[in-house]
Amino acid sequence: MKRREFVKYSGIAAGALYLMKPLNIPEDKNLKTRIMKISNPEKNNICVTCGTRYSDEYFDENLCPVCADDRQYINLNGQQWTSYKQMKDSHSLYFNKLRNDIYEISIRPSFAIGQKAHLILHPEGNVLWDCLPFLDEAAAAFIDKLGGLKAIAISHPHYYSLMAEWAGYFDCPVYLHENDRKWVFDKEDNIHFFSEDKLEITKGIEIVNSGGHFPGSTVLHYKSENQAPTLFGGDTLYLSLNKKHLSAMYSYPNNIALEKKELFRCFEKVKELDFDAFFGAFSWQNLFEGAGEIFKKSYERYRGIYS
C-alpha cells in the first residue's frame, strides 16, 4: 500500500488528522510578508510521487531517481511532475502546535508521501527538522514572526524536497549527512554536509547518524530544560499503529527489511540517546511520554528474534 493511501485509509491515522485542528496560516491577516523568489516556479520539476524538486542540471522528465530506488516507488501511472506555481494555486501549509516549543507543519491537501516537518522553537535560534515540497509567503511570514530559522536538518533524501528554497528564503544552513550526498538533486548553496556520527546544531539539539533506512539517515535529539527529552525519528524509526512498537526498515512502502547488521547498528545508535517523547513521520506517530520504554522493549524484541 502506498504511504498516502496508508494514511488516508487507516482509521487511527484519519482520526488523528481530524483532531489536529491546524492553524490556517493564510487566514492570519496580521502577518508581515516579504517577497519570495522561487527558481523556475512554472517548470514542472517537482515529482508528484515523492516531492523532490530537481534543478536543470539533474532534471530528466522521464525519471525521478529517488522514486526509481527500491526504497520508494514510481507511480503506477508513470512518472508525473508538477510545478511550484501549480502547488501554490492548490495547496497551503498548516501548523499544529504540539507543545509550547514544537509545531508540526504539513501540506493541505496532502501531497507526495505526506511529509511533515517540525519547527523547534529555541532561544538560540529555531530549527526546522525535515522539510516539505512547498513554502508560501504566509507560512514563511508566520515562521518569521516566531523568530525565523537558524538551521534546517533533514533525516533522509525523501525529505530533501524543496530544501533549497527554504534555506534560501531563511538564509540558513541545511545539515545533511555525507553518506547521502549522491541524493541531492537541487542547488547546494546552503547545504552543509557532515561526516561525524553526531553534530550539535545548537545547545540541546543534535543530529545523530543512525543509518538504517539510508546510510546517511539521521535522527534529531532534543533536550530542553522545561520539556521531556525528545527524539524526532523521521523515517528511521517507525511507530506502529497501536503505538507499542518501534521498527526500522530498508523500505516502508515496499516492505523490504533491513539487513540484521544495519538494523542493530541503527538501534545501537538510538539506544545511546535519552528520550521520553517521540515524533515520527506521520501525525499519528506522536508520543508525548513513554517513548523511551517502547524503544527498549522493541529493541529487546528484535534481539530475541535474531538470537
C-alpha atoms as a PDB file:
ATOM      1  CA  MET A   1       0.000   0.000   0.000  1.00  0.00           C
ATOM      2  CA  LYS A   2       1.255   3.479  -0.832  1.00  0.00           C
ATOM      3  CA  ARG A   3       2.113   5.746   2.064  1.00  0.00           C
ATOM      4  CA  ARG A   4      -0.527   8.304   1.155  1.00  0.00           C
ATOM      5  CA  GLU A   5      -3.166   5.573   0.927  1.00  0.00           C
ATOM      6  CA  PHE A   6      -1.968   4.103   4.217  1.00  0.00           C
ATOM      7  CA  VAL A   7      -2.553   7.393   5.996  1.00  0.00           C
ATOM      8  CA  LYS A   8      -5.799   8.059   4.149  1.00  0.00           C
ATOM      9  CA  TYR A   9      -7.444   4.730   4.871  1.00  0.00           C
ATOM     10  CA  SER A  10      -6.113   3.986   8.330  1.00  0.00           C
ATOM     11  CA  GLY A  11      -8.851   4.679  10.867  1.00  0.00           C
ATOM     12  CA  ILE A  12      -6.365   5.718  13.502  1.00  0.00           C
ATOM     13  CA  ALA A  13      -4.486   7.974  11.115  1.00  0.00           C
ATOM     14  CA  ALA A  14      -7.689   9.573   9.874  1.00  0.00           C
ATOM     15  CA  GLY A  15      -8.839  10.213  13.408  1.00  0.00           C
ATOM     16  CA  ALA A  16      -5.528  11.776  14.333  1.00  0.00           C
ATOM     17  CA  LEU A  17      -5.625  14.059  11.322  1.00  0.00           C
ATOM     18  CA  TYR A  18      -9.203  15.082  12.102  1.00  0.00           C
ATOM     19  CA  LEU A  19      -8.249  16.052  15.637  1.00  0.00           C
ATOM     20  CA  MET A  20      -5.265  18.142  14.593  1.00  0.00           C
ATOM     21  CA  LYS A  21      -7.280  21.403  14.323  1.00  0.00           C
ATOM     22  CA  PRO A  22      -4.459  23.033  12.355  1.00  0.00           C
ATOM     23  CA  LEU A  23      -3.792  26.752  12.302  1.00  0.00           C
ATOM     24  CA  ASN A  24      -4.693  28.011   8.834  1.00  0.00           C
ATOM     25  CA  ILE A  25      -1.894  30.465   8.168  1.00  0.00           C
ATOM     26  CA  PRO A  26      -3.389  32.053   5.009  1.00  0.00           C
ATOM     27  CA  GLU A  27      -6.291  33.363   7.121  1.00  0.00           C
ATOM     28  CA  ASP A  28      -3.998  35.273   9.515  1.00  0.00           C
ATOM     29  CA  LYS A  29      -4.137  38.851   8.211  1.00  0.00           C
ATOM     30  CA  ASN A  30      -1.702  40.258  10.793  1.00  0.00           C
ATOM     31  CA  LEU A  31       1.417  38.665   9.345  1.00  0.00           C
ATOM     32  CA  LYS A  32       4.022  40.778   7.581  1.00  0.00           C
ATOM     33  CA  THR A  33       5.122  39.077   4.386  1.00  0.00           C
ATOM     34  CA  ARG A  34       8.256  39.642   2.337  1.00  0.00           C
ATOM     35  CA  ILE A  35       8.890  38.829  -1.296  1.00  0.00           C
ATOM     36  CA  MET A  36       9.646  35.184  -2.020  1.00  0.00           C
ATOM     37  CA  LYS A  37      11.669  34.416  -5.135  1.00  0.00           C
ATOM     38  CA  ILE A  38      11.369  30.818  -6.321  1.00  0.00           C
ATOM     39  CA  SER A  39      13.630  29.429  -9.049  1.00  0.00           C
ATOM     40  CA  ASN A  40      11.744  28.329 -12.182  1.00  0.00           C
ATOM     41  CA  PRO A  41       8.309  28.461 -10.496  1.00  0.00           C
ATOM     42  CA  GLU A  42       6.449  27.446 -13.658  1.00  0.00           C
ATOM     43  CA  LYS A  43       8.655  24.498 -14.583  1.00  0.00           C
ATOM     44  CA  ASN A  44       7.295  21.013 -13.940  1.00  0.00           C
ATOM     45  CA  ASN A  45      10.295  19.836 -11.926  1.00  0.00           C
ATOM     46  CA  ILE A  46       8.704  18.621  -8.676  1.00  0.00           C
ATOM     47  CA  CYS A  47       7.982  14.891  -8.529  1.00  0.00           C
ATOM     48  CA  VAL A  48       4.324  14.296  -7.688  1.00  0.00           C
ATOM     49  CA  THR A  49       5.063  10.956  -6.025  1.00  0.00           C
ATOM     50  CA  CYS A  50       7.938  11.880  -3.681  1.00  0.00           C
ATOM     51  CA  GLY A  51       8.022  15.701  -3.702  1.00  0.00           C
ATOM     52  CA  THR A  52      11.668  16.060  -4.754  1.00  0.00           C
ATOM     53  CA  ARG A  53      12.474  19.154  -6.824  1.00  0.00           C
ATOM     54  CA  TYR A  54      15.183  18.907  -9.477  1.00  0.00           C
ATOM     55  CA  SER A  55      17.425  21.682 -10.757  1.00  0.00           C
ATOM     56  CA  ASP A  56      18.052  21.879 -14.515  1.00  0.00           C
ATOM     57  CA  GLU A  57      21.361  20.077 -14.070  1.00  0.00           C
ATOM     58  CA  TYR A  58      19.688  16.912 -12.789  1.00  0.00           C
ATOM     59  CA  PHE A  59      16.206  17.053 -14.294  1.00  0.00           C
ATOM     60  CA  ASP A  60      15.075  14.212 -16.579  1.00  0.00           C
ATOM     61  CA  GLU A  61      11.393  14.326 -17.454  1.00  0.00           C
ATOM     62  CA  ASN A  62      11.311  10.548 -17.839  1.00  0.00           C
ATOM     63  CA  LEU A  63      12.685   9.581 -14.454  1.00  0.00           C
ATOM     64  CA  CYS A  64      12.834  10.568 -10.791  1.00  0.00           C
ATOM     65  CA  PRO A  65      15.904   8.736  -9.392  1.00  0.00           C
ATOM     66  CA  VAL A  66      14.522   8.996  -5.854  1.00  0.00           C
ATOM     67  CA  CYS A  67      11.369   7.106  -6.839  1.00  0.00           C
ATOM     68  CA  ALA A  68      13.290   4.638  -9.030  1.00  0.00           C
ATOM     69  CA  ASP A  69      15.175   3.475  -5.935  1.00  0.00           C
ATOM     70  CA  ASP A  70      13.777   0.410  -4.125  1.00  0.00           C
ATOM     71  CA  ARG A  71      13.069   2.462  -1.008  1.00  0.00           C
ATOM     72  CA  GLN A  72      10.448   4.435  -2.916  1.00  0.00           C
ATOM     73  CA  TYR A  73       8.245   3.662  -5.939  1.00  0.00           C
ATOM     74  CA  ILE A  74       7.297   5.077  -9.328  1.00  0.00           C
ATOM     75  CA  ASN A  75       3.643   5.993  -9.730  1.00  0.00           C
ATOM     76  CA  LEU A  76       1.680   3.172 -11.370  1.00  0.00           C
ATOM     77  CA  ASN A  77       0.526   5.702 -13.972  1.00  0.00           C
ATOM     78  CA  GLY A  78       4.121   6.589 -14.801  1.00  0.00           C
ATOM     79  CA  GLN A  79       6.380   9.485 -13.883  1.00  0.00           C
ATOM     80  CA  GLN A  80       4.422  12.655 -13.087  1.00  0.00           C
ATOM     81  CA  TRP A  81       5.607  16.196 -12.409  1.00  0.00           C
ATOM     82  CA  THR A  82       4.144  19.428 -11.135  1.00  0.00           C
ATOM     83  CA  SER A  83       5.428  22.982 -10.721  1.00  0.00           C
ATOM     84  CA  TYR A  84       5.759  25.311  -7.766  1.00  0.00           C
ATOM     85  CA  LYS A  85       3.125  27.575  -9.327  1.00  0.00           C
ATOM     86  CA  GLN A  86       0.636  24.721  -9.579  1.00  0.00           C
ATOM     87  CA  MET A  87       1.356  23.837  -5.965  1.00  0.00           C
ATOM     88  CA  LYS A  88       0.791  27.421  -4.881  1.00  0.00           C
ATOM     89  CA  ASP A  89      -2.543  27.532  -6.684  1.00  0.00           C
ATOM     90  CA  SER A  90      -3.836  24.437  -4.915  1.00  0.00           C
ATOM     91  CA  HIS A  91      -2.007  23.900  -1.613  1.00  0.00           C
ATOM     92  CA  SER A  92      -1.274  25.596   1.701  1.00  0.00           C
ATOM     93  CA  LEU A  93       0.868  24.935   4.746  1.00  0.00           C
ATOM     94  CA  TYR A  94      -0.763  24.258   8.104  1.00  0.00           C
ATOM     95  CA  PHE A  95       0.753  24.472  11.558  1.00  0.00           C
ATOM     96  CA  ASN A  96      -0.286  22.326  14.506  1.00  0.00           C
ATOM     97  CA  LYS A  97       1.146  23.252  17.917  1.00  0.00           C
ATOM     98  CA  LEU A  98       2.267  20.040  19.622  1.00  0.00           C
ATOM     99  CA  ARG A  99       3.981  21.674  22.593  1.00  0.00           C
ATOM    100  CA  ASN A 100       4.924  25.205  23.553  1.00  0.00           C
ATOM    101  CA  ASP A 101       8.223  24.663  21.759  1.00  0.00           C
ATOM    102  CA  ILE A 102       7.189  22.486  18.795  1.00  0.00           C
ATOM    103  CA  TYR A 103       4.984  22.992  15.745  1.00  0.00           C
ATOM    104  CA  GLU A 104       4.086  20.256  13.295  1.00  0.00           C
ATOM    105  CA  ILE A 105       3.871  21.513   9.688  1.00  0.00           C
ATOM    106  CA  SER A 106       2.009  19.737   6.898  1.00  0.00           C
ATOM    107  CA  ILE A 107       0.732  20.393   3.383  1.00  0.00           C
ATOM    108  CA  ARG A 108      -3.025  20.534   2.762  1.00  0.00           C
ATOM    109  CA  PRO A 109      -4.348  18.802   0.799  1.00  0.00           C
ATOM    110  CA  SER A 110      -1.787  16.058   1.328  1.00  0.00           C
ATOM    111  CA  PHE A 111       0.926  15.863  -1.310  1.00  0.00           C
ATOM    112  CA  ALA A 112       3.612  13.342  -2.341  1.00  0.00           C
ATOM    113  CA  ILE A 113       4.357  10.932   0.540  1.00  0.00           C
ATOM    114  CA  GLY A 114       2.544  13.091   3.063  1.00  0.00           C
ATOM    115  CA  GLN A 115       5.709  14.577   4.537  1.00  0.00           C
ATOM    116  CA  LYS A 116       5.534  16.618   7.700  1.00  0.00           C
ATOM    117  CA  ALA A 117       8.177  18.836   9.231  1.00  0.00           C
ATOM    118  CA  HIS A 118       8.730  20.038  12.793  1.00  0.00           C
ATOM    119  CA  LEU A 119       9.575  23.563  13.833  1.00  0.00           C
ATOM    120  CA  ILE A 120      11.513  23.568  17.110  1.00  0.00           C
ATOM    121  CA  LEU A 121      11.406  26.918  18.905  1.00  0.00           C
ATOM    122  CA  HIS A 122      14.729  27.501  20.639  1.00  0.00           C
ATOM    123  CA  PRO A 123      16.096  30.562  22.488  1.00  0.00           C
ATOM    124  CA  GLU A 124      19.328  30.408  20.472  1.00  0.00           C
ATOM    125  CA  GLY A 125      17.540  30.102  17.137  1.00  0.00           C
ATOM    126  CA  ASN A 126      14.751  27.952  15.731  1.00  0.00           C
ATOM    127  CA  VAL A 127      15.469  24.660  13.962  1.00  0.00           C
ATOM    128  CA  LEU A 128      13.387  23.019  11.232  1.00  0.00           C
ATOM    129  CA  TRP A 129      13.521  19.231  11.345  1.00  0.00           C
ATOM    130  CA  ASP A 130      12.837  17.697   7.937  1.00  0.00           C
ATOM    131  CA  CYS A 131      11.433  19.676   5.047  1.00  0.00           C
ATOM    132  CA  LEU A 132       8.410  19.988   2.762  1.00  0.00           C
ATOM    133  CA  PRO A 133       7.914  20.265  -1.019  1.00  0.00           C
ATOM    134  CA  PHE A 134       6.180  23.630  -0.603  1.00  0.00           C
ATOM    135  CA  LEU A 135       6.588  27.019   1.084  1.00  0.00           C
ATOM    136  CA  ASP A 136       4.441  30.119   0.614  1.00  0.00           C
ATOM    137  CA  GLU A 137       4.617  33.718   1.829  1.00  0.00           C
ATOM    138  CA  ALA A 138       2.031  33.324   4.577  1.00  0.00           C
ATOM    139  CA  ALA A 139       3.732  30.314   6.155  1.00  0.00           C
ATOM    140  CA  ALA A 140       7.151  31.930   5.813  1.00  0.00           C
ATOM    141  CA  ALA A 141       5.831  35.094   7.472  1.00  0.00           C
ATOM    142  CA  PHE A 142       4.462  33.058  10.372  1.00  0.00           C
ATOM    143  CA  ILE A 143       7.859  31.410  10.873  1.00  0.00           C
ATOM    144  CA  ASP A 144       9.499  34.836  10.646  1.00  0.00           C
ATOM    145  CA  LYS A 145       7.150  36.037  13.378  1.00  0.00           C
ATOM    146  CA  LEU A 146       8.326  33.151  15.561  1.00  0.00           C
ATOM    147  CA  GLY A 147      11.961  34.105  15.019  1.00  0.00           C
ATOM    148  CA  GLY A 148      12.851  32.640  11.635  1.00  0.00           C
ATOM    149  CA  LEU A 149      15.215  29.702  11.243  1.00  0.00           C
ATOM    150  CA  LYS A 150      18.757  29.198  12.466  1.00  0.00           C
ATOM    151  CA  ALA A 151      19.124  25.859  10.712  1.00  0.00           C
ATOM    152  CA  ILE A 152      17.393  23.069   8.824  1.00  0.00           C
ATOM    153  CA  ALA A 153      18.280  19.415   9.461  1.00  0.00           C
ATOM    154  CA  ILE A 154      16.853  16.639   7.292  1.00  0.00           C
ATOM    155  CA  SER A 155      16.572  12.975   8.196  1.00  0.00           C
ATOM    156  CA  HIS A 156      16.938  11.387   4.747  1.00  0.00           C
ATOM    157  CA  PRO A 157      16.515  12.007   0.978  1.00  0.00           C
ATOM    158  CA  HIS A 158      12.726  11.553   0.909  1.00  0.00           C
ATOM    159  CA  TYR A 159      12.519  14.888   2.734  1.00  0.00           C
ATOM    160  CA  TYR A 160      15.035  16.886   0.698  1.00  0.00           C
ATOM    161  CA  SER A 161      12.055  18.148  -1.325  1.00  0.00           C
ATOM    162  CA  LEU A 162      12.194  21.972  -1.604  1.00  0.00           C
ATOM    163  CA  MET A 163      15.068  22.420   0.861  1.00  0.00           C
ATOM    164  CA  ALA A 164      16.990  24.779  -1.438  1.00  0.00           C
ATOM    165  CA  GLU A 165      14.160  27.338  -1.412  1.00  0.00           C
ATOM    166  CA  TRP A 166      13.511  27.031   2.326  1.00  0.00           C
ATOM    167  CA  ALA A 167      17.193  27.590   3.077  1.00  0.00           C
ATOM    168  CA  GLY A 168      17.446  30.426   0.579  1.00  0.00           C
ATOM    169  CA  TYR A 169      14.461  32.286   1.992  1.00  0.00           C
ATOM    170  CA  PHE A 170      15.540  31.981   5.635  1.00  0.00           C
ATOM    171  CA  ASP A 171      19.254  32.338   4.798  1.00  0.00           C
ATOM    172  CA  CYS A 172      20.216  29.351   6.924  1.00  0.00           C
ATOM    173  CA  PRO A 173      22.266  26.171   6.511  1.00  0.00           C
ATOM    174  CA  VAL A 174      20.811  22.757   5.713  1.00  0.00           C
ATOM    175  CA  TYR A 175      22.582  19.919   7.510  1.00  0.00           C
ATOM    176  CA  LEU A 176      22.751  16.594   5.658  1.00  0.00           C
ATOM    177  CA  HIS A 177      24.926  13.574   6.270  1.00  0.00           C
ATOM    178  CA  GLU A 178      27.755  12.992   3.816  1.00  0.00           C
ATOM    179  CA  ASN A 179      26.635   9.399   3.198  1.00  0.00           C
ATOM    180  CA  ASP A 180      23.555  10.656   1.335  1.00  0.00           C
ATOM    181  CA  ARG A 181      25.264  13.328  -0.763  1.00  0.00           C
ATOM    182  CA  LYS A 182      24.500  11.476  -4.013  1.00  0.00           C
ATOM    183  CA  TRP A 183      20.755  12.023  -3.460  1.00  0.00           C
ATOM    184  CA  VAL A 184      20.950  15.813  -3.649  1.00  0.00           C
ATOM    185  CA  PHE A 185      19.445  16.947  -6.963  1.00  0.00           C
ATOM    186  CA  ASP A 186      18.928  20.654  -6.336  1.00  0.00           C
ATOM    187  CA  LYS A 187      21.030  23.730  -5.590  1.00  0.00           C
ATOM    188  CA  GLU A 188      23.672  23.152  -2.906  1.00  0.00           C
ATOM    189  CA  ASP A 189      24.379  26.779  -1.941  1.00  0.00           C
ATOM    190  CA  ASN A 190      23.248  26.408   1.688  1.00  0.00           C
ATOM    191  CA  ILE A 191      23.974  22.720   2.235  1.00  0.00           C
ATOM    192  CA  HIS A 192      26.478  21.694   4.900  1.00  0.00           C
ATOM    193  CA  PHE A 193      27.459  18.030   4.735  1.00  0.00           C
ATOM    194  CA  PHE A 194      28.813  16.417   7.891  1.00  0.00           C
ATOM    195  CA  SER A 195      30.534  13.062   8.227  1.00  0.00           C
ATOM    196  CA  GLU A 196      30.664  12.677  12.017  1.00  0.00           C
ATOM    197  CA  ASP A 197      28.442  10.283  13.968  1.00  0.00           C
ATOM    198  CA  LYS A 198      26.678  13.277  15.505  1.00  0.00           C
ATOM    199  CA  LEU A 199      26.525  17.027  15.107  1.00  0.00           C
ATOM    200  CA  GLU A 200      25.344  19.631  17.613  1.00  0.00           C
ATOM    201  CA  ILE A 201      23.303  22.302  15.840  1.00  0.00           C
ATOM    202  CA  THR A 202      22.694  24.428  18.911  1.00  0.00           C
ATOM    203  CA  LYS A 203      22.540  23.922  22.672  1.00  0.00           C
ATOM    204  CA  GLY A 204      20.455  20.821  23.431  1.00  0.00           C
ATOM    205  CA  ILE A 205      19.839  19.910  19.772  1.00  0.00           C
ATOM    206  CA  GLU A 206      21.973  17.356  17.962  1.00  0.00           C
ATOM    207  CA  ILE A 207      21.525  15.167  14.909  1.00  0.00           C
ATOM    208  CA  VAL A 208      22.788  11.594  15.021  1.00  0.00           C
ATOM    209  CA  ASN A 209      23.692   9.421  12.046  1.00  0.00           C
ATOM    210  CA  SER A 210      21.733   6.288  12.892  1.00  0.00           C
ATOM    211  CA  GLY A 211      21.765   4.729   9.433  1.00  0.00           C
ATOM    212  CA  GLY A 212      19.029   2.240   8.679  1.00  0.00           C
ATOM    213  CA  HIS A 213      16.610   3.483   6.041  1.00  0.00           C
ATOM    214  CA  PHE A 214      19.533   5.204   4.248  1.00  0.00           C
ATOM    215  CA  PRO A 215      23.261   5.116   5.090  1.00  0.00           C
ATOM    216  CA  GLY A 216      23.042   8.801   5.966  1.00  0.00           C
ATOM    217  CA  SER A 217      19.734   8.641   7.822  1.00  0.00           C
ATOM    218  CA  THR A 218      19.684  10.777  10.943  1.00  0.00           C
ATOM    219  CA  VAL A 219      17.505  11.316  13.986  1.00  0.00           C
ATOM    220  CA  LEU A 220      17.300  14.552  15.958  1.00  0.00           C
ATOM    221  CA  HIS A 221      17.748  14.502  19.736  1.00  0.00           C
ATOM    222  CA  TYR A 222      16.381  17.478  21.651  1.00  0.00           C
ATOM    223  CA  LYS A 223      16.923  18.139  25.357  1.00  0.00           C
ATOM    224  CA  SER A 224      15.158  21.118  26.890  1.00  0.00           C
ATOM    225  CA  GLU A 225      15.145  22.385  30.461  1.00  0.00           C
ATOM    226  CA  ASN A 226      11.348  22.638  30.533  1.00  0.00           C
ATOM    227  CA  GLN A 227      10.199  19.700  28.389  1.00  0.00           C
ATOM    228  CA  ALA A 228      10.674  15.953  28.194  1.00  0.00           C
ATOM    229  CA  PRO A 229      13.775  14.850  26.247  1.00  0.00           C
ATOM    230  CA  THR A 230      12.574  14.254  22.707  1.00  0.00           C
ATOM    231  CA  LEU A 231      13.543  12.152  19.702  1.00  0.00           C
ATOM    232  CA  PHE A 232      12.476  13.109  16.178  1.00  0.00           C
ATOM    233  CA  GLY A 233      12.650   9.895  14.166  1.00  0.00           C
ATOM    234  CA  GLY A 234      11.789  10.836  10.593  1.00  0.00           C
ATOM    235  CA  ASP A 235      11.516   7.516   8.748  1.00  0.00           C
ATOM    236  CA  THR A 236      14.390   5.972  10.679  1.00  0.00           C
ATOM    237  CA  LEU A 237      12.085   4.580  13.361  1.00  0.00           C
ATOM    238  CA  TYR A 238       8.502   3.709  12.522  1.00  0.00           C
ATOM    239  CA  LEU A 239       5.888   3.726  15.280  1.00  0.00           C
ATOM    240  CA  SER A 240       3.215   1.032  14.958  1.00  0.00           C
ATOM    241  CA  LEU A 241      -0.490   1.836  14.798  1.00  0.00           C
ATOM    242  CA  ASN A 242      -1.059   0.588  18.337  1.00  0.00           C
ATOM    243  CA  LYS A 243       1.851   2.795  19.482  1.00  0.00           C
ATOM    244  CA  LYS A 244       3.525  -0.111  21.253  1.00  0.00           C
ATOM    245  CA  HIS A 245       6.391  -0.894  18.879  1.00  0.00           C
ATOM    246  CA  LEU A 246       9.176   0.890  17.007  1.00  0.00           C
ATOM    247  CA  SER A 247      10.720  -0.701  13.941  1.00  0.00           C
ATOM    248  CA  ALA A 248      13.303   0.120  11.278  1.00  0.00           C
ATOM    249  CA  MET A 249      13.167  -0.978   7.639  1.00  0.00           C
ATOM    250  CA  TYR A 250      15.055  -0.520   4.387  1.00  0.00           C
ATOM    251  CA  SER A 251      11.822   0.353   2.574  1.00  0.00           C
ATOM    252  CA  TYR A 252       8.487   1.052   4.223  1.00  0.00           C
ATOM    253  CA  PRO A 253       6.208   1.318   1.150  1.00  0.00           C
ATOM    254  CA  ASN A 254       7.795  -1.781  -0.429  1.00  0.00           C
ATOM    255  CA  ASN A 255       8.086  -3.735   2.843  1.00  0.00           C
ATOM    256  CA  ILE A 256      11.795  -4.536   2.487  1.00  0.00           C
ATOM    257  CA  ALA A 257      13.530  -5.456   5.726  1.00  0.00           C
ATOM    258  CA  LEU A 258      16.908  -4.137   6.825  1.00  0.00           C
ATOM    259  CA  GLU A 259      19.871  -6.463   6.960  1.00  0.00           C
ATOM    260  CA  LYS A 260      20.495  -7.671  10.507  1.00  0.00           C
ATOM    261  CA  LYS A 261      23.798  -5.802  10.840  1.00  0.00           C
ATOM    262  CA  GLU A 262      22.306  -2.475   9.748  1.00  0.00           C
ATOM    263  CA  LEU A 263      19.191  -2.963  11.876  1.00  0.00           C
ATOM    264  CA  PHE A 264      21.227  -3.378  15.055  1.00  0.00           C
ATOM    265  CA  ARG A 265      23.598  -0.576  14.099  1.00  0.00           C
ATOM    266  CA  CYS A 266      20.576   1.715  13.906  1.00  0.00           C
ATOM    267  CA  PHE A 267      19.125   0.561  17.217  1.00  0.00           C
ATOM    268  CA  GLU A 268      22.500   0.742  18.976  1.00  0.00           C
ATOM    269  CA  LYS A 269      22.889   4.377  17.900  1.00  0.00           C
ATOM    270  CA  VAL A 270      19.446   5.319  19.192  1.00  0.00           C
ATOM    271  CA  LYS A 271      19.990   3.319  22.387  1.00  0.00           C
ATOM    272  CA  GLU A 272      22.633   5.867  23.413  1.00  0.00           C
ATOM    273  CA  LEU A 273      20.015   8.644  23.496  1.00  0.00           C
ATOM    274  CA  ASP A 274      17.796   9.503  26.450  1.00  0.00           C
ATOM    275  CA  PHE A 275      14.242  10.375  25.363  1.00  0.00           C
ATOM    276  CA  ASP A 276      10.683  10.195  26.633  1.00  0.00           C
ATOM    277  CA  ALA A 277       8.759  11.888  23.790  1.00  0.00           C
ATOM    278  CA  PHE A 278       8.864  10.796  20.144  1.00  0.00           C
ATOM    279  CA  PHE A 279       7.650  12.442  16.948  1.00  0.00           C
ATOM    280  CA  GLY A 280       7.690  10.321  13.807  1.00  0.00           C
ATOM    281  CA  ALA A 281       6.945  10.576  10.109  1.00  0.00           C
ATOM    282  CA  PHE A 282       3.163  10.977  10.357  1.00  0.00           C
ATOM    283  CA  SER A 283       0.857  12.927  12.655  1.00  0.00           C
ATOM    284  CA  TRP A 284      -0.436   9.808  14.364  1.00  0.00           C
ATOM    285  CA  GLN A 285       3.158   8.829  15.231  1.00  0.00           C
ATOM    286  CA  ASN A 286       3.425  11.278  18.108  1.00  0.00           C
ATOM    287  CA  LEU A 287       4.188  10.098  21.635  1.00  0.00           C
ATOM    288  CA  PHE A 288       4.386  12.673  24.392  1.00  0.00           C
ATOM    289  CA  GLU A 289       5.663  10.233  27.011  1.00  0.00           C
ATOM    290  CA  GLY A 290       6.858   6.668  27.406  1.00  0.00           C
ATOM    291  CA  ALA A 291       8.666   6.511  24.059  1.00  0.00           C
ATOM    292  CA  GLY A 292      11.981   5.509  25.601  1.00  0.00           C
ATOM    293  CA  GLU A 293      10.460   2.436  27.231  1.00  0.00           C
ATOM    294  CA  ILE A 294       8.724   1.469  23.988  1.00  0.00           C
ATOM    295  CA  PHE A 295      12.059   1.699  22.196  1.00  0.00           C
ATOM    296  CA  LYS A 296      13.789  -0.508  24.786  1.00  0.00           C
ATOM    297  CA  LYS A 297      11.074  -3.173  24.533  1.00  0.00           C
ATOM    298  CA  SER A 298      11.223  -3.059  20.733  1.00  0.00           C
ATOM    299  CA  TYR A 299      14.992  -3.425  20.822  1.00  0.00           C
ATOM    300  CA  GLU A 300      14.735  -6.451  23.117  1.00  0.00           C
ATOM    301  CA  ARG A 301      12.105  -7.945  20.815  1.00  0.00           C
ATOM    302  CA  TYR A 302      14.493  -7.713  17.868  1.00  0.00           C
ATOM    303  CA  ARG A 303      17.291  -9.227  19.940  1.00  0.00           C
ATOM    304  CA  GLY A 304      15.016 -12.130  20.811  1.00  0.00           C
ATOM    305  CA  ILE A 305      14.075 -12.704  17.184  1.00  0.00           C
ATOM    306  CA  TYR A 306      17.692 -12.756  15.994  1.00  0.00           C
ATOM    307  CA  SER A 307      19.221 -14.631  18.947  1.00  0.00           C
END
